[in-house]
Protein backbone atom coordinates (compact mmCIF):
# COMPACT_ATOMS: atom_id res chain seq x y z
CA MET A 1 -29.59 -21.38 3.36
CA LEU A 2 -25.97 -20.21 3.40
CA ASP A 3 -26.76 -17.59 6.04
CA GLY A 4 -28.01 -20.34 8.32
CA LEU A 5 -24.91 -22.39 7.72
CA LEU A 6 -22.30 -19.65 7.73
CA GLY A 7 -23.99 -17.10 9.94
CA GLY A 8 -24.88 -13.65 8.67
CA HIS A 9 -21.29 -12.57 8.05
CA ALA A 10 -21.12 -13.71 4.42
CA GLY A 11 -24.44 -12.01 3.64
CA ASN A 12 -23.31 -8.80 5.32
CA LEU A 13 -20.12 -8.76 3.29
CA GLN A 14 -22.08 -9.36 0.09
CA ARG A 15 -24.54 -6.55 0.83
CA ALA A 16 -21.71 -4.16 1.74
CA MET A 17 -19.87 -4.97 -1.50
CA ASN A 18 -23.09 -4.50 -3.51
CA ARG A 19 -23.72 -1.12 -1.89
CA THR A 20 -20.15 -0.06 -2.52
CA SER A 21 -20.48 -1.07 -6.16
CA ASP A 22 -23.79 0.82 -6.41
CA ARG A 23 -22.17 3.94 -4.92
CA PHE A 24 -19.38 3.71 -7.48
CA GLY A 25 -22.02 3.74 -10.23
CA VAL A 26 -23.76 6.79 -8.77
CA LEU A 27 -20.47 8.67 -8.41
CA SER A 28 -19.50 7.75 -11.97
CA GLN A 29 -22.83 9.15 -13.16
CA ASN A 30 -22.04 12.40 -11.33
CA LEU A 31 -18.65 12.54 -13.01
CA ALA A 32 -20.21 11.94 -16.43
CA ASN A 33 -22.60 14.86 -15.84
CA VAL A 34 -20.06 17.33 -14.48
CA ASN A 35 -20.77 19.73 -17.37
CA THR A 36 -24.52 19.15 -17.65
CA PRO A 37 -26.41 22.35 -16.73
CA GLY A 38 -28.90 21.83 -13.91
CA TYR A 39 -27.62 18.36 -12.96
CA LYS A 40 -27.87 17.69 -9.23
CA ARG A 41 -25.21 15.59 -7.53
CA LYS A 42 -26.29 12.22 -6.09
CA ASP A 43 -24.62 10.03 -3.48
CA MET A 44 -25.36 6.93 -1.44
CA ASP A 45 -25.35 7.23 2.32
CA PHE A 46 -24.80 3.77 3.77
CA GLY A 47 -22.05 4.57 6.26
CA ILE A 48 -24.52 6.19 8.65
CA GLU A 49 -26.80 3.14 8.63
CA LEU A 50 -23.86 0.88 9.44
CA GLU A 51 -22.71 3.13 12.29
CA GLN A 52 -26.21 3.35 13.77
CA SER A 53 -26.73 -0.41 13.72
CA MET A 54 -23.31 -0.96 15.32
CA GLU A 55 -24.20 1.51 18.09
CA ARG A 56 -27.32 -0.55 18.83
CA GLY A 57 -25.18 -3.69 19.07
CA GLN A 58 -26.51 -5.12 15.82
CA LEU A 59 -23.90 -6.07 13.27
CA ARG A 60 -26.23 -6.55 10.31
CA LEU A 61 -26.11 -4.06 7.45
CA ARG A 62 -29.68 -2.88 6.96
CA ASP A 63 -31.29 -2.27 3.60
CA ARG A 64 -33.05 1.06 3.30
CA ALA A 65 -36.14 1.54 1.18
CA ASP A 66 -34.48 4.34 -0.80
CA GLY A 67 -31.20 2.44 -1.13
CA GLY A 68 -29.51 5.31 0.73
CA LEU A 69 -29.58 7.45 -2.44
CA ARG A 70 -29.67 11.19 -1.83
CA THR A 71 -29.84 14.07 -4.27
CA PHE A 72 -28.14 17.33 -3.33
CA SER A 73 -30.15 20.33 -4.44
CA GLY A 74 -27.70 23.13 -3.68
CA SER A 75 -25.75 24.29 -6.70
CA ILE A 76 -22.21 25.59 -6.61
CA ARG A 77 -22.17 26.99 -10.13
CA THR A 78 -24.21 29.52 -12.05
CA ASP A 79 -25.53 26.85 -14.47
CA GLY A 80 -27.26 25.05 -11.57
CA ASN A 81 -24.94 22.02 -11.59
CA SER A 82 -23.95 20.85 -8.09
CA VAL A 83 -21.10 18.48 -9.06
CA ASN A 84 -17.63 19.37 -7.77
CA LEU A 85 -15.01 17.47 -9.78
CA GLU A 86 -12.49 17.27 -6.92
CA GLU A 87 -15.08 15.93 -4.46
CA GLU A 88 -16.26 13.30 -6.94
CA VAL A 89 -12.75 12.03 -7.65
CA SER A 90 -12.05 11.90 -3.91
CA ALA A 91 -15.29 10.03 -3.24
CA ILE A 92 -14.52 7.55 -6.02
CA ALA A 93 -11.07 6.91 -4.53
CA GLU A 94 -12.62 6.35 -1.10
CA THR A 95 -15.20 3.98 -2.56
CA GLU A 96 -12.52 2.03 -4.41
CA THR A 97 -10.52 1.66 -1.19
CA ARG A 98 -13.63 0.51 0.67
CA TYR A 99 -14.38 -2.07 -2.02
CA ARG A 100 -10.81 -3.41 -1.90
CA LEU A 101 -11.03 -3.70 1.89
CA LEU A 102 -14.34 -5.56 1.71
CA SER A 103 -12.92 -7.84 -0.97
CA GLU A 104 -9.92 -8.64 1.24
CA MET A 105 -12.21 -9.28 4.23
CA SER A 106 -14.30 -11.66 2.12
CA SER A 107 -11.21 -13.48 0.90
CA ARG A 108 -9.88 -13.92 4.44
CA TYR A 109 -13.27 -15.06 5.69
CA PHE A 110 -13.54 -17.80 3.08
CA THR A 111 -9.88 -18.77 3.49
CA GLY A 112 -10.59 -19.25 7.19
CA LEU A 113 -13.62 -21.40 6.39
CA LYS A 114 -11.53 -23.46 4.00
CA ASN A 115 -8.93 -24.01 6.75
CA VAL A 116 -11.63 -25.14 9.16
CA ILE A 117 -13.04 -27.57 6.60
CA ARG A 118 -9.56 -28.98 5.97
CA GLU A 119 -8.97 -29.16 9.74
CA GLY A 120 -5.99 -26.80 9.55
CA ARG A 121 -4.07 -28.79 6.92
């Protein structure tokens, strides 16, 4: 109902924030398993979906059946673990920045709606 009233923007922001939160969980799991022999790094790939839909002129964030979760099979260590500590910390920092940006966009969107409701007062 809210999508019909507010357009799809609020729903897109919600889905993007949910995906960003999900990615943070996956990256945290990688970090927790940095010393687990045989553990394969996982990551969520939702940036590509967003770019592809924007290229087609569609601004909706699409949900993928697999949630965008990918497992990387190549290992960089002799114990078969494919987690690189520096890459994980960097990816977590990027994800945190993305979440803050989406949070700020959501705040500004709803502040704008509040101003419209109050007729600019």
